[in-house]
C-alpha atoms as a PDB file:
ATOM      1  CA  MET A   1       6.474   6.011  -1.564  1.00  0.00           C
ATOM      2  CA  ILE A   2       6.762   2.507  -2.969  1.00  0.00           C
ATOM      3  CA  LEU A   3       8.177   1.508  -6.339  1.00  0.00           C
ATOM      4  CA  VAL A   4       5.922  -0.565  -8.608  1.00  0.00           C
ATOM      5  CA  THR A   5       6.092  -1.369 -12.319  1.00  0.00           C
ATOM      6  CA  ARG A   6       3.440  -0.445 -14.884  1.00  0.00           C
ATOM      7  CA  LEU A   7       2.462  -3.007 -17.523  1.00  0.00           C
ATOM      8  CA  ASN A   8       4.660  -1.252 -20.093  1.00  0.00           C
ATOM      9  CA  GLY A   9       7.683  -1.808 -17.818  1.00  0.00           C
ATOM     10  CA  SER A  10       8.072   1.781 -16.661  1.00  0.00           C
ATOM     11  CA  PRO A  11       8.675   2.373 -12.957  1.00  0.00           C
ATOM     12  CA  LEU A  12       6.075   4.221 -10.899  1.00  0.00           C
ATOM     13  CA  TRP A  13       6.589   5.683  -7.430  1.00  0.00           C
ATOM     14  CA  LEU A  14       3.272   5.448  -5.635  1.00  0.00           C
ATOM     15  CA  ASN A  15       2.182   7.098  -2.383  1.00  0.00           C
ATOM     16  CA  ALA A  16       1.434   4.028  -0.250  1.00  0.00           C
ATOM     17  CA  LEU A  17      -0.794   6.046   2.079  1.00  0.00           C
ATOM     18  CA  LEU A  18      -3.271   6.569  -0.770  1.00  0.00           C
ATOM     19  CA  ILE A  19      -3.786   2.863  -1.513  1.00  0.00           C
ATOM     20  CA  GLU A  20      -7.301   1.693  -0.702  1.00  0.00           C
ATOM     21  CA  THR A  21      -7.308  -1.822  -2.184  1.00  0.00           C
ATOM     22  CA  VAL A  22      -4.980  -4.273  -3.916  1.00  0.00           C
ATOM     23  CA  GLU A  23      -6.508  -7.151  -5.861  1.00  0.00           C
ATOM     24  CA  GLU A  24      -5.133  -9.865  -8.107  1.00  0.00           C
ATOM     25  CA  THR A  25      -7.484 -11.117 -10.825  1.00  0.00           C
ATOM     26  CA  PRO A  26      -4.916 -12.385 -12.262  1.00  0.00           C
ATOM     27  CA  ASP A  27      -3.461  -8.929 -13.030  1.00  0.00           C
ATOM     28  CA  THR A  28      -2.711  -6.859  -9.946  1.00  0.00           C
ATOM     29  CA  TYR A  29      -4.992  -3.826  -9.632  1.00  0.00           C
ATOM     30  CA  ILE A  30      -4.252  -1.039  -7.167  1.00  0.00           C
ATOM     31  CA  THR A  31      -7.124   1.288  -6.316  1.00  0.00           C
ATOM     32  CA  LEU A  32      -6.341   4.609  -4.660  1.00  0.00           C
ATOM     33  CA  VAL A  33      -8.596   6.516  -2.270  1.00  0.00           C
ATOM     34  CA  THR A  34      -9.083   9.027  -5.108  1.00  0.00           C
ATOM     35  CA  GLY A  35     -10.763   6.313  -7.183  1.00  0.00           C
ATOM     36  CA  LYS A  36      -7.875   6.044  -9.657  1.00  0.00           C
ATOM     37  CA  ARG A  37      -7.081   2.452 -10.572  1.00  0.00           C
ATOM     38  CA  MET A  38      -3.901   1.063 -12.085  1.00  0.00           C
ATOM     39  CA  ILE A  39      -2.481  -2.293 -13.133  1.00  0.00           C
ATOM     40  CA  VAL A  40       1.043  -3.255 -12.056  1.00  0.00           C
ATOM     41  CA  LEU A  41       3.359  -6.187 -12.788  1.00  0.00           C
ATOM     42  CA  GLU A  42       4.014  -7.035  -9.115  1.00  0.00           C
ATOM     43  CA  LYS A  43       1.857  -9.658  -7.410  1.00  0.00           C
ATOM     44  CA  ALA A  44      -0.629  -8.450  -4.764  1.00  0.00           C
ATOM     45  CA  ALA A  45       1.379 -10.041  -1.931  1.00  0.00           C
ATOM     46  CA  GLU A  46       4.486  -8.130  -3.013  1.00  0.00           C
ATOM     47  CA  VAL A  47       2.619  -4.799  -3.138  1.00  0.00           C
ATOM     48  CA  ILE A  48       1.155  -5.457   0.316  1.00  0.00           C
ATOM     49  CA  SER A  49       4.616  -6.304   1.631  1.00  0.00           C
ATOM     50  CA  LEU A  50       6.006  -3.044   0.190  1.00  0.00           C
ATOM     51  CA  VAL A  51       3.186  -1.065   1.841  1.00  0.00           C
ATOM     52  CA  LYS A  52       3.790  -2.752   5.207  1.00  0.00           C
ATOM     53  CA  GLN A  53       7.524  -2.064   4.965  1.00  0.00           C
ATOM     54  CA  TYR A  54       6.874   1.564   4.055  1.00  0.00           C
ATOM     55  CA  ASN A  55       4.457   1.998   6.974  1.00  0.00           C
ATOM     56  CA  GLN A  56       7.036   0.586   9.371  1.00  0.00           C
ATOM     57  CA  GLU A  57       9.729   2.895   7.980  1.00  0.00           C
ATOM     58  CA  ILE A  58       7.645   6.014   8.569  1.00  0.00           C
ATOM     59  CA  GLY A  59       6.246   4.833  11.917  1.00  0.00           C
ATOM     60  CA  VAL A  60       2.576   4.546  10.965  1.00  0.00           C
ATOM     61  CA  HIS A  61       2.342   1.056  12.464  1.00  0.00           C
ATOM     62  CA  ASN A  62       3.687   2.159  15.856  1.00  0.00           C
ATOM     63  CA  ALA A  63       1.454   5.238  15.922  1.00  0.00           C
ATOM     64  CA  THR A  64      -1.604   3.084  15.211  1.00  0.00           C
ATOM     65  CA  ILE A  65      -0.757   0.691  18.039  1.00  0.00           C
ATOM     66  CA  LYS A  66      -0.300   3.609  20.478  1.00  0.00           C
ATOM     67  CA  VAL A  67      -3.691   5.065  19.518  1.00  0.00           C
ATOM     68  CA  GLN A  68      -5.361   1.671  19.986  1.00  0.00           C
ATOM     69  CA  GLN A  69      -3.727   1.232  23.388  1.00  0.00           C
ATOM     70  CA  THR A  70      -4.846   4.713  24.436  1.00  0.00           C
ATOM     71  CA  GLU A  71      -8.408   4.028  23.314  1.00  0.00           C
ATOM     72  CA  GLU A  72      -8.497   0.738  25.226  1.00  0.00           C
ATOM     73  CA  SER A  73      -7.197   2.261  28.485  1.00  0.00           C
ATOM     74  CA  PRO A  74      -9.887   3.125  31.059  1.00  0.00           C
END
């Protein structure tokens, strides 16, 4: 889970694995795979950084690399 801030200032713990898109127009919109969309105070780059950090912490990045290497092996 990553911690982001709603527009009203309240904290929101968000399941980073459910994030489909992050866009900044100029507000930062996060769209989940469920279709739910929310606006947060953090900039898009910060949200993306939090997601990357979370993925590294739980090992998703390493698992993805191993799968790619396995698929590329003859």
